Amino acid sequence: MIRNNNRHRWISGITGLFLFCWLVQAAHGATADETLVVANSRMVESEAIARYYMAKRHIPKNHLVMTSLTTAEVMTRDEFNDGLKVPVLNKINNLNGERIAAIVLIYGVPLKVLPPKLDIKTKKKLTDMRSELRRLRHEGVKGSERDLQLRKLENNIKHLAGTDKRASVDSELALVKAGGYQLSGWIENPYYIGFQNMRTRLSKDDVLLVCRLDGPDPKLVYRIIDDSLAAERKGLHGIAYFDARWPPPPQGKKNLQGYTLYDASLYKAAEIVAKRMPVKIDKTEALFPPGSAPQAALYAGWYSLGHYIDSFTWVQGAVGYHIASSECSTLRNPNTNEWCVQILEHGAAATIGPVYEPYVQGFPLPEVFFAAFTEGDFNLGESYLLSLPYLSWQMVLVGDPLYQPFSSEAKK
């Protein structure tokens, strides 16, 4: 789950007023009038949920895009291009200059998009390369040179097969205005605070915020919408839980990256959120034990792969995410023990997770996400976009992007 990325490590030193200044500079600005809603006509309840959400948030009625897509959670690249991108782009272009900043995908819109189809020549080459890989693995001779050969061949197979070209529908659709771009691997998010004042392949004008209102069944999705609105009216109150694995790094330590960076960021997030609500932080490799986290309003932690721990009693409007691979590989299966579905099933209003392996630095950086969200001037979607390093990749935000429970309007 680790991939080195030196461009991504400096952000851990930014806190307090300096962080707020960066957030203001990078702000995306997504309002109800700038939001597009996408439903799937082939999924029962999808249109009804879309219209319910739009009415509750006062989103213009003509901002609804009805598509006809597979009801499976995985879609082909051709269907993504023709059945989703085209109608979304057509709607944006036909809105007479109205600015669209955000897209909300509704229950029934597929979750994952496959790599492009392989041609016959590529399939034949893959078959030959896989045969060669099997031969090398079964050879009795071992050594560093053979190991290097194996790794190189494995990487070439992954690249040729398009493993690095599959993505979450949400992350790919975020670049619907970007035109042609290379599908292989991730693309730097120009809104991410860690890439400000750095040259990125895409500009902010190329990027839309994309998230979804989704879950195992329509009832849960309606509950997410209602809970978000209720928490906005009264404010989000409770306890914030952060689950690190190691003691905090020495003060002033620089050049953090990978797991160390994200573990340190959980401590930074806890410091920031403590200005808003009580905070509990675990500093050991053990996770919060079952039943040990009552009144959970906010959460971030790691690492329990595909195994949700029933530690939390989530308050209405709670937001939490777990840093581990493929925790959002499904949203429809209520029996999965992956964190995204279980966080929602147990009562939270929003969560974040990857559909495939994102590598640790593919996750929103906790200190940035929670700083923006709890500061009050940024909604859930904006906080996500400012803290998300990469697009055309694996991450998904499940929740109402307009959710803003710490605004000055929310009761304290």
Protein backbone atom coordinates (compact mmCIF):
# COMPACT_ATOMS: atom_id res chain seq x y z
CA MET A 1 0.00 0.00 0.00
CA ILE A 2 3.01 2.35 0.05
CA ARG A 3 4.43 4.18 -2.91
CA ASN A 4 7.11 6.82 -2.40
CA ASN A 5 6.08 10.31 -3.38
CA ASN A 6 8.33 13.11 -2.17
CA ARG A 7 6.10 15.86 -3.58
CA HIS A 8 3.42 14.80 -1.13
CA ARG A 9 5.28 14.84 2.17
CA TRP A 10 5.88 18.51 3.00
CA ILE A 11 2.24 19.27 3.85
CA SER A 12 2.49 17.74 7.33
CA GLY A 13 4.07 20.89 8.70
CA ILE A 14 1.17 23.18 7.79
CA THR A 15 -1.28 23.93 10.58
CA GLY A 16 -3.28 26.71 12.18
CA LEU A 17 -3.63 30.11 10.55
CA PHE A 18 -1.21 29.27 7.74
CA LEU A 19 -3.30 26.26 6.77
CA PHE A 20 -6.48 28.34 6.82
CA CYS A 21 -4.88 30.90 4.46
CA TRP A 22 -3.97 28.11 2.06
CA LEU A 23 -7.51 26.73 2.23
CA VAL A 24 -9.02 30.09 1.39
CA GLN A 25 -6.66 30.50 -1.56
CA ALA A 26 -7.44 27.02 -2.87
CA ALA A 27 -11.19 27.09 -2.18
CA HIS A 28 -13.40 25.51 -4.82
CA GLY A 29 -16.83 26.90 -3.97
CA ALA A 30 -19.68 24.45 -4.58
CA THR A 31 -23.24 25.64 -3.93
CA ALA A 32 -26.68 24.21 -4.67
CA ASP A 33 -26.98 26.37 -7.81
CA GLU A 34 -23.66 24.95 -9.04
CA THR A 35 -24.53 21.30 -8.44
CA LEU A 36 -25.50 18.71 -11.05
CA VAL A 37 -27.31 15.52 -9.97
CA VAL A 38 -27.02 12.27 -11.95
CA ALA A 39 -29.46 9.35 -11.60
CA ASN A 40 -29.81 5.99 -13.37
CA SER A 41 -33.23 5.41 -14.94
CA ARG A 42 -32.69 1.63 -14.88
CA MET A 43 -32.32 1.49 -11.09
CA VAL A 44 -35.51 1.55 -9.04
CA GLU A 45 -35.60 4.57 -6.66
CA SER A 46 -32.63 6.35 -8.27
CA GLU A 47 -34.70 9.15 -9.83
CA ALA A 48 -36.91 9.46 -6.74
CA ILE A 49 -33.87 9.87 -4.47
CA ALA A 50 -32.40 12.43 -6.87
CA ARG A 51 -35.55 14.53 -6.88
CA TYR A 52 -35.91 14.26 -3.10
CA TYR A 53 -32.33 15.46 -2.59
CA MET A 54 -32.69 18.28 -5.10
CA ALA A 55 -35.87 19.51 -3.43
CA LYS A 56 -34.29 19.42 0.03
CA ARG A 57 -31.20 21.31 -1.16
CA HIS A 58 -33.08 23.63 -3.55
CA ILE A 59 -31.00 22.50 -6.52
CA PRO A 60 -32.52 23.76 -9.80
CA LYS A 61 -34.80 21.14 -11.37
CA ASN A 62 -33.05 21.42 -14.73
CA HIS A 63 -29.78 20.27 -13.10
CA LEU A 64 -30.92 16.65 -13.15
CA VAL A 65 -29.21 14.28 -15.61
CA MET A 66 -31.08 11.04 -16.26
CA THR A 67 -28.87 8.28 -17.64
CA SER A 68 -29.52 4.69 -18.67
CA LEU A 69 -26.66 2.63 -17.28
CA THR A 70 -25.95 -0.88 -16.09
CA THR A 71 -27.35 -1.60 -12.64
CA ALA A 72 -24.12 -3.39 -11.73
CA GLU A 73 -21.47 -1.62 -9.66
CA VAL A 74 -18.87 -1.99 -12.42
CA MET A 75 -19.15 -0.40 -15.86
CA THR A 76 -17.08 -0.75 -19.00
CA ARG A 77 -14.97 2.14 -20.23
CA ASP A 78 -17.14 2.42 -23.35
CA GLU A 79 -20.32 2.74 -21.28
CA PHE A 80 -18.62 5.28 -19.01
CA ASN A 81 -17.64 7.39 -22.01
CA ASP A 82 -20.87 7.11 -24.01
CA GLY A 83 -23.49 6.58 -21.32
CA LEU A 84 -22.20 8.88 -18.56
CA LYS A 85 -19.61 11.39 -19.77
CA VAL A 86 -21.53 12.40 -22.89
CA PRO A 87 -24.87 13.19 -21.18
CA VAL A 88 -23.10 15.00 -18.33
CA LEU A 89 -21.08 17.13 -20.73
CA ASN A 90 -24.15 17.83 -22.85
CA LYS A 91 -26.04 19.01 -19.78
CA ILE A 92 -23.18 21.28 -18.69
CA ASN A 93 -22.90 22.75 -22.18
CA ASN A 94 -26.67 23.30 -22.44
CA LEU A 95 -27.06 25.21 -19.19
CA ASN A 96 -26.51 28.57 -20.90
CA GLY A 97 -23.33 29.46 -19.13
CA GLU A 98 -24.41 28.41 -15.62
CA ARG A 99 -21.37 27.39 -13.60
CA ILE A 100 -21.26 23.75 -12.52
CA ALA A 101 -18.77 22.99 -9.77
CA ALA A 102 -20.06 19.71 -8.34
CA ILE A 103 -21.70 16.49 -9.48
CA VAL A 104 -23.65 14.21 -7.15
CA LEU A 105 -24.07 10.62 -8.34
CA ILE A 106 -27.20 8.98 -6.97
CA TYR A 107 -27.81 5.40 -5.83
CA GLY A 108 -27.77 3.22 -8.95
CA VAL A 109 -24.92 4.92 -10.80
CA PRO A 110 -22.04 2.40 -11.09
CA LEU A 111 -19.14 2.69 -8.69
CA LYS A 112 -16.15 1.46 -10.72
CA VAL A 113 -14.97 1.84 -14.31
CA LEU A 114 -12.85 -0.79 -16.04
CA PRO A 115 -9.77 -0.19 -18.21
CA PRO A 116 -10.28 0.16 -21.98
CA LYS A 117 -10.75 -3.09 -23.91
CA LEU A 118 -7.59 -4.81 -25.10
CA ASP A 119 -7.04 -5.51 -28.77
CA ILE A 120 -6.11 -8.98 -30.05
CA LYS A 121 -2.42 -8.12 -30.39
CA THR A 122 -2.22 -6.91 -26.78
CA LYS A 123 -4.08 -9.96 -25.49
CA LYS A 124 -1.59 -12.23 -27.27
CA LYS A 125 1.34 -10.31 -25.82
CA LEU A 126 -0.16 -10.58 -22.34
CA THR A 127 -0.59 -14.34 -22.72
CA ASP A 128 3.08 -14.71 -23.69
CA MET A 129 4.24 -12.49 -20.81
CA ARG A 130 2.17 -14.44 -18.28
CA SER A 131 3.64 -17.72 -19.58
CA GLU A 132 7.11 -16.27 -19.14
CA LEU A 133 6.22 -15.14 -15.62
CA ARG A 134 5.06 -18.66 -14.68
CA ARG A 135 8.27 -20.13 -16.10
CA LEU A 136 10.45 -17.76 -14.09
CA ARG A 137 8.52 -18.43 -10.89
CA HIS A 138 8.96 -22.19 -11.24
CA GLU A 139 12.68 -22.04 -11.97
CA GLY A 140 14.80 -23.39 -9.16
CA VAL A 141 17.48 -20.70 -9.52
CA LYS A 142 17.08 -17.77 -7.15
CA GLY A 143 18.89 -14.49 -6.77
CA SER A 144 18.64 -10.73 -7.01
CA GLU A 145 18.83 -10.70 -10.82
CA ARG A 146 15.91 -13.15 -11.12
CA ASP A 147 13.91 -11.20 -8.54
CA LEU A 148 14.49 -8.02 -10.52
CA GLN A 149 13.30 -9.78 -13.68
CA LEU A 150 10.17 -10.97 -11.93
CA ARG A 151 9.26 -7.53 -10.59
CA LYS A 152 9.85 -5.92 -13.96
CA LEU A 153 7.73 -8.51 -15.74
CA GLU A 154 4.94 -8.24 -13.14
CA ASN A 155 4.87 -4.45 -13.52
CA ASN A 156 4.82 -4.69 -17.31
CA ILE A 157 1.91 -7.14 -17.16
CA LYS A 158 -0.06 -4.84 -14.85
CA HIS A 159 0.54 -1.88 -17.11
CA LEU A 160 -0.34 -3.76 -20.31
CA ALA A 161 -3.48 -5.27 -18.72
CA GLY A 162 -4.57 -1.80 -17.67
CA THR A 163 -4.66 -2.38 -13.91
CA ASP A 164 -3.51 1.22 -13.43
CA LYS A 165 -6.25 2.44 -15.82
CA ARG A 166 -9.21 1.30 -13.74
CA ALA A 167 -10.71 3.84 -11.36
CA SER A 168 -13.70 4.90 -9.36
CA VAL A 169 -16.41 6.37 -11.58
CA ASP A 170 -16.42 9.44 -9.34
CA SER A 171 -12.70 10.17 -9.65
CA GLU A 172 -12.75 9.69 -13.42
CA LEU A 173 -15.85 11.81 -13.90
CA ALA A 174 -14.16 14.65 -11.99
CA LEU A 175 -12.17 15.20 -15.21
CA VAL A 176 -15.18 15.22 -17.53
CA LYS A 177 -14.24 18.71 -18.74
CA ALA A 178 -10.53 17.93 -19.13
CA GLY A 179 -10.71 16.41 -22.61
CA GLY A 180 -8.04 13.88 -23.50
CA TYR A 181 -5.60 12.83 -20.79
CA GLN A 182 -3.43 9.82 -20.09
CA LEU A 183 -5.36 7.10 -18.26
CA SER A 184 -2.35 5.27 -16.87
CA GLY A 185 -1.93 5.96 -13.15
CA TRP A 186 -3.10 8.92 -11.13
CA ILE A 187 -3.23 12.61 -12.02
CA GLU A 188 -2.38 15.37 -9.53
CA ASN A 189 -5.41 17.23 -8.21
CA PRO A 190 -4.75 20.97 -8.73
CA TYR A 191 -7.07 21.81 -5.82
CA TYR A 192 -5.06 19.73 -3.34
CA ILE A 193 -3.36 22.03 -0.88
CA GLY A 194 -0.08 20.12 -1.11
CA PHE A 195 0.23 20.91 -4.82
CA GLN A 196 -0.45 24.65 -4.62
CA ASN A 197 2.21 26.71 -6.41
CA MET A 198 3.38 23.56 -8.18
CA ARG A 199 2.85 22.91 -11.84
CA THR A 200 0.22 20.21 -12.35
CA ARG A 201 -0.91 18.59 -15.58
CA LEU A 202 -4.45 19.95 -15.20
CA SER A 203 -5.77 23.33 -14.14
CA LYS A 204 -8.54 23.93 -11.60
CA ASP A 205 -10.88 24.77 -14.49
CA ASP A 206 -10.51 21.16 -15.67
CA VAL A 207 -11.77 19.68 -12.40
CA LEU A 208 -15.21 19.16 -10.89
CA LEU A 209 -16.03 17.89 -7.41
CA VAL A 210 -17.75 14.51 -7.75
CA CYS A 211 -19.25 12.47 -4.92
CA ARG A 212 -22.24 10.20 -4.40
CA LEU A 213 -25.33 9.57 -2.30
CA ASP A 214 -25.25 5.80 -2.22
CA GLY A 215 -25.42 2.72 -0.06
CA PRO A 216 -26.85 -0.80 0.19
CA ASP A 217 -30.48 0.32 -0.15
CA PRO A 218 -32.59 3.43 -0.80
CA LYS A 219 -33.69 3.73 2.84
CA LEU A 220 -30.10 4.28 3.94
CA VAL A 221 -29.56 6.93 1.26
CA TYR A 222 -32.62 8.88 2.34
CA ARG A 223 -31.32 8.66 5.90
CA ILE A 224 -27.95 10.15 4.87
CA ILE A 225 -29.74 13.12 3.29
CA ASP A 226 -32.03 13.68 6.27
CA ASP A 227 -29.28 13.26 8.86
CA SER A 228 -27.04 15.76 7.08
CA LEU A 229 -29.78 18.39 7.05
CA ALA A 230 -30.67 17.71 10.70
CA ALA A 231 -27.04 18.01 11.82
CA GLU A 232 -26.72 21.28 9.93
CA ARG A 233 -29.66 22.72 11.82
CA LYS A 234 -28.35 21.80 15.26
CA GLY A 235 -24.60 21.58 14.61
CA LEU A 236 -22.47 18.44 14.80
CA HIS A 237 -21.62 17.57 18.41
CA GLY A 238 -19.93 14.57 19.95
CA ILE A 239 -16.42 13.15 20.23
CA ALA A 240 -13.73 12.96 17.53
CA TYR A 241 -11.71 9.74 17.42
CA PHE A 242 -8.32 9.39 15.75
CA ASP A 243 -6.62 6.02 15.63
CA ALA A 244 -2.87 6.26 15.01
CA ARG A 245 -0.51 3.29 15.19
CA TRP A 246 2.65 4.79 16.65
CA PRO A 247 3.63 7.59 19.03
CA PRO A 248 3.81 11.03 17.40
CA PRO A 249 7.10 11.80 15.59
CA PRO A 250 9.60 14.09 17.32
CA GLN A 251 8.59 17.75 17.04
CA GLY A 252 10.09 19.39 13.99
CA LYS A 253 10.89 16.11 12.22
CA LYS A 254 10.72 16.64 8.46
CA ASN A 255 10.67 14.53 5.30
CA LEU A 256 7.82 12.32 6.46
CA GLN A 257 6.24 10.14 3.80
CA GLY A 258 4.08 7.06 3.31
CA TYR A 259 2.62 5.53 6.45
CA THR A 260 4.67 7.82 8.71
CA LEU A 261 3.24 10.93 7.07
CA TYR A 262 -0.35 9.78 7.47
CA ASP A 263 0.15 8.60 11.02
CA ALA A 264 1.61 12.01 11.94
CA SER A 265 -1.27 13.69 10.12
CA LEU A 266 -3.77 11.96 12.41
CA TYR A 267 -2.10 13.68 15.37
CA LYS A 268 -2.23 17.03 13.56
CA ALA A 269 -5.91 16.48 12.79
CA ALA A 270 -6.60 15.71 16.44
CA GLU A 271 -4.92 18.98 17.50
CA ILE A 272 -7.02 20.96 15.05
CA VAL A 273 -10.35 19.30 15.85
CA ALA A 274 -9.76 19.66 19.61
CA LYS A 275 -10.66 23.34 19.17
CA ARG A 276 -14.18 22.22 18.19
CA MET A 277 -15.00 19.16 20.27
CA PRO A 278 -13.54 16.58 22.67
CA VAL A 279 -10.94 14.34 21.05
CA LYS A 280 -9.68 10.86 21.85
CA ILE A 281 -6.59 9.51 20.11
CA ASP A 282 -5.18 6.00 20.22
CA LYS A 283 -1.38 5.83 19.89
CA THR A 284 -0.92 2.07 19.60
CA GLU A 285 -1.21 -0.47 16.81
CA ALA A 286 -4.39 -1.81 18.39
CA LEU A 287 -7.63 -0.27 17.16
CA PHE A 288 -10.33 1.17 19.39
CA PRO A 289 -11.91 -1.95 20.95
CA PRO A 290 -15.53 -2.84 20.15
CA GLY A 291 -17.99 -0.59 21.94
CA SER A 292 -15.29 1.80 23.19
CA ALA A 293 -16.13 4.89 21.11
CA PRO A 294 -19.53 6.36 22.07
CA GLN A 295 -20.92 9.60 20.61
CA ALA A 296 -18.59 9.42 17.61
CA ALA A 297 -18.97 12.57 15.48
CA LEU A 298 -15.69 12.42 13.53
CA TYR A 299 -13.23 9.60 12.90
CA ALA A 300 -10.09 8.77 10.97
CA GLY A 301 -7.76 5.87 11.60
CA TRP A 302 -6.05 2.73 10.31
CA TYR A 303 -5.26 -0.21 9.65
CA SER A 304 -7.78 -3.05 9.64
CA LEU A 305 -8.00 -4.30 6.07
CA GLY A 306 -11.55 -5.22 5.08
CA HIS A 307 -12.54 -5.76 8.68
CA TYR A 308 -14.76 -3.12 10.29
CA ILE A 309 -14.44 -2.94 14.07
CA ASP A 310 -17.75 -2.15 15.77
CA SER A 311 -16.20 0.41 18.12
CA PHE A 312 -18.40 3.40 17.39
CA THR A 313 -21.80 4.69 18.31
CA TRP A 314 -22.21 7.28 15.55
CA VAL A 315 -24.12 10.49 16.28
CA GLN A 316 -26.50 11.92 13.69
CA GLY A 317 -24.45 13.51 10.90
CA ALA A 318 -21.16 11.76 11.80
CA VAL A 319 -18.29 11.66 9.28
CA GLY A 320 -15.53 9.06 9.38
CA TYR A 321 -13.08 7.20 7.18
CA HIS A 322 -10.62 4.35 7.58
CA ILE A 323 -7.26 4.33 5.79
CA ALA A 324 -6.98 0.88 4.22
CA SER A 325 -7.08 -0.62 0.73
CA SER A 326 -10.30 -1.23 -1.22
CA GLU A 327 -12.64 -0.29 1.64
CA CYS A 328 -15.19 0.97 -0.92
CA SER A 329 -15.02 -1.90 -3.43
CA THR A 330 -18.78 -2.20 -2.99
CA LEU A 331 -21.57 0.00 -1.65
CA ARG A 332 -24.46 -2.34 -2.48
CA ASN A 333 -23.53 -5.40 -0.43
CA PRO A 334 -24.79 -4.98 3.15
CA ASN A 335 -22.96 -8.16 4.20
CA THR A 336 -19.47 -6.93 3.38
CA ASN A 337 -17.24 -6.12 6.35
CA GLU A 338 -15.47 -3.34 4.46
CA TRP A 339 -15.38 -0.05 6.32
CA CYS A 340 -17.35 2.23 4.00
CA VAL A 341 -20.54 0.17 3.96
CA GLN A 342 -20.32 -0.64 7.66
CA ILE A 343 -19.64 2.97 8.71
CA LEU A 344 -22.80 3.97 6.82
CA GLU A 345 -24.84 0.97 8.00
CA HIS A 346 -23.96 1.75 11.61
CA GLY A 347 -25.23 5.32 11.35
CA ALA A 348 -22.69 7.77 9.92
CA ALA A 349 -23.74 10.30 7.28
CA ALA A 350 -20.53 10.34 5.21
CA THR A 351 -17.42 8.31 4.58
CA ILE A 352 -14.46 8.08 2.18
CA GLY A 353 -12.74 5.06 0.69
CA PRO A 354 -11.05 3.51 -2.36
CA VAL A 355 -12.58 1.09 -4.85
CA TYR A 356 -9.20 -0.54 -5.57
CA GLU A 357 -5.67 -0.23 -4.15
CA PRO A 358 -4.98 3.52 -3.91
CA TYR A 359 -1.60 3.44 -2.11
CA VAL A 360 -1.63 5.30 1.18
CA GLN A 361 -0.97 8.73 -0.35
CA GLY A 362 -4.10 8.39 -2.45
CA PHE A 363 -6.20 9.12 0.65
CA PRO A 364 -7.28 12.60 1.71
CA LEU A 365 -4.75 13.88 4.22
CA PRO A 366 -6.54 13.89 7.60
CA GLU A 367 -5.19 17.20 8.92
CA VAL A 368 -6.31 19.06 5.78
CA PHE A 369 -9.71 17.38 5.50
CA PHE A 370 -10.67 17.91 9.14
CA ALA A 371 -9.17 21.41 9.28
CA ALA A 372 -11.29 22.55 6.36
CA PHE A 373 -14.44 20.72 7.46
CA THR A 374 -14.43 21.88 11.08
CA GLU A 375 -13.29 25.43 10.28
CA GLY A 376 -16.84 26.15 9.18
CA ASP A 377 -16.49 27.99 5.87
CA PHE A 378 -16.14 24.83 3.80
CA ASN A 379 -18.71 22.13 3.12
CA LEU A 380 -18.01 18.41 3.05
CA GLY A 381 -17.31 18.34 -0.69
CA GLU A 382 -14.92 21.28 -0.64
CA SER A 383 -13.05 19.80 2.34
CA TYR A 384 -12.67 16.54 0.44
CA LEU A 385 -11.42 18.18 -2.75
CA LEU A 386 -8.86 20.34 -0.94
CA SER A 387 -7.43 17.29 0.87
CA LEU A 388 -7.49 14.79 -2.02
CA PRO A 389 -4.10 14.37 -3.77
CA TYR A 390 -5.07 12.50 -6.94
CA LEU A 391 -7.80 12.18 -9.58
CA SER A 392 -8.49 9.61 -12.29
CA TRP A 393 -7.80 7.21 -9.44
CA GLN A 394 -9.59 5.17 -6.77
CA MET A 395 -11.18 7.38 -4.11
CA VAL A 396 -14.89 7.94 -3.42
CA LEU A 397 -16.70 10.39 -1.14
CA VAL A 398 -20.09 9.08 -0.01
CA GLY A 399 -22.22 11.86 1.44
CA ASP A 400 -23.92 15.15 0.72
CA PRO A 401 -21.23 17.50 -0.64
CA LEU A 402 -23.19 20.53 0.57
CA TYR A 403 -23.21 19.25 4.16
CA GLN A 404 -21.80 22.00 6.41
CA PRO A 405 -22.52 21.34 10.10
CA PHE A 406 -19.86 23.72 11.44
CA SER A 407 -21.01 26.83 9.61
CA SER A 408 -21.92 29.97 11.52
CA GLU A 409 -25.59 29.19 10.78
CA ALA A 410 -25.42 25.84 12.62
CA LYS A 411 -26.45 26.08 16.23
CA LYS A 412 -23.59 25.75 18.68
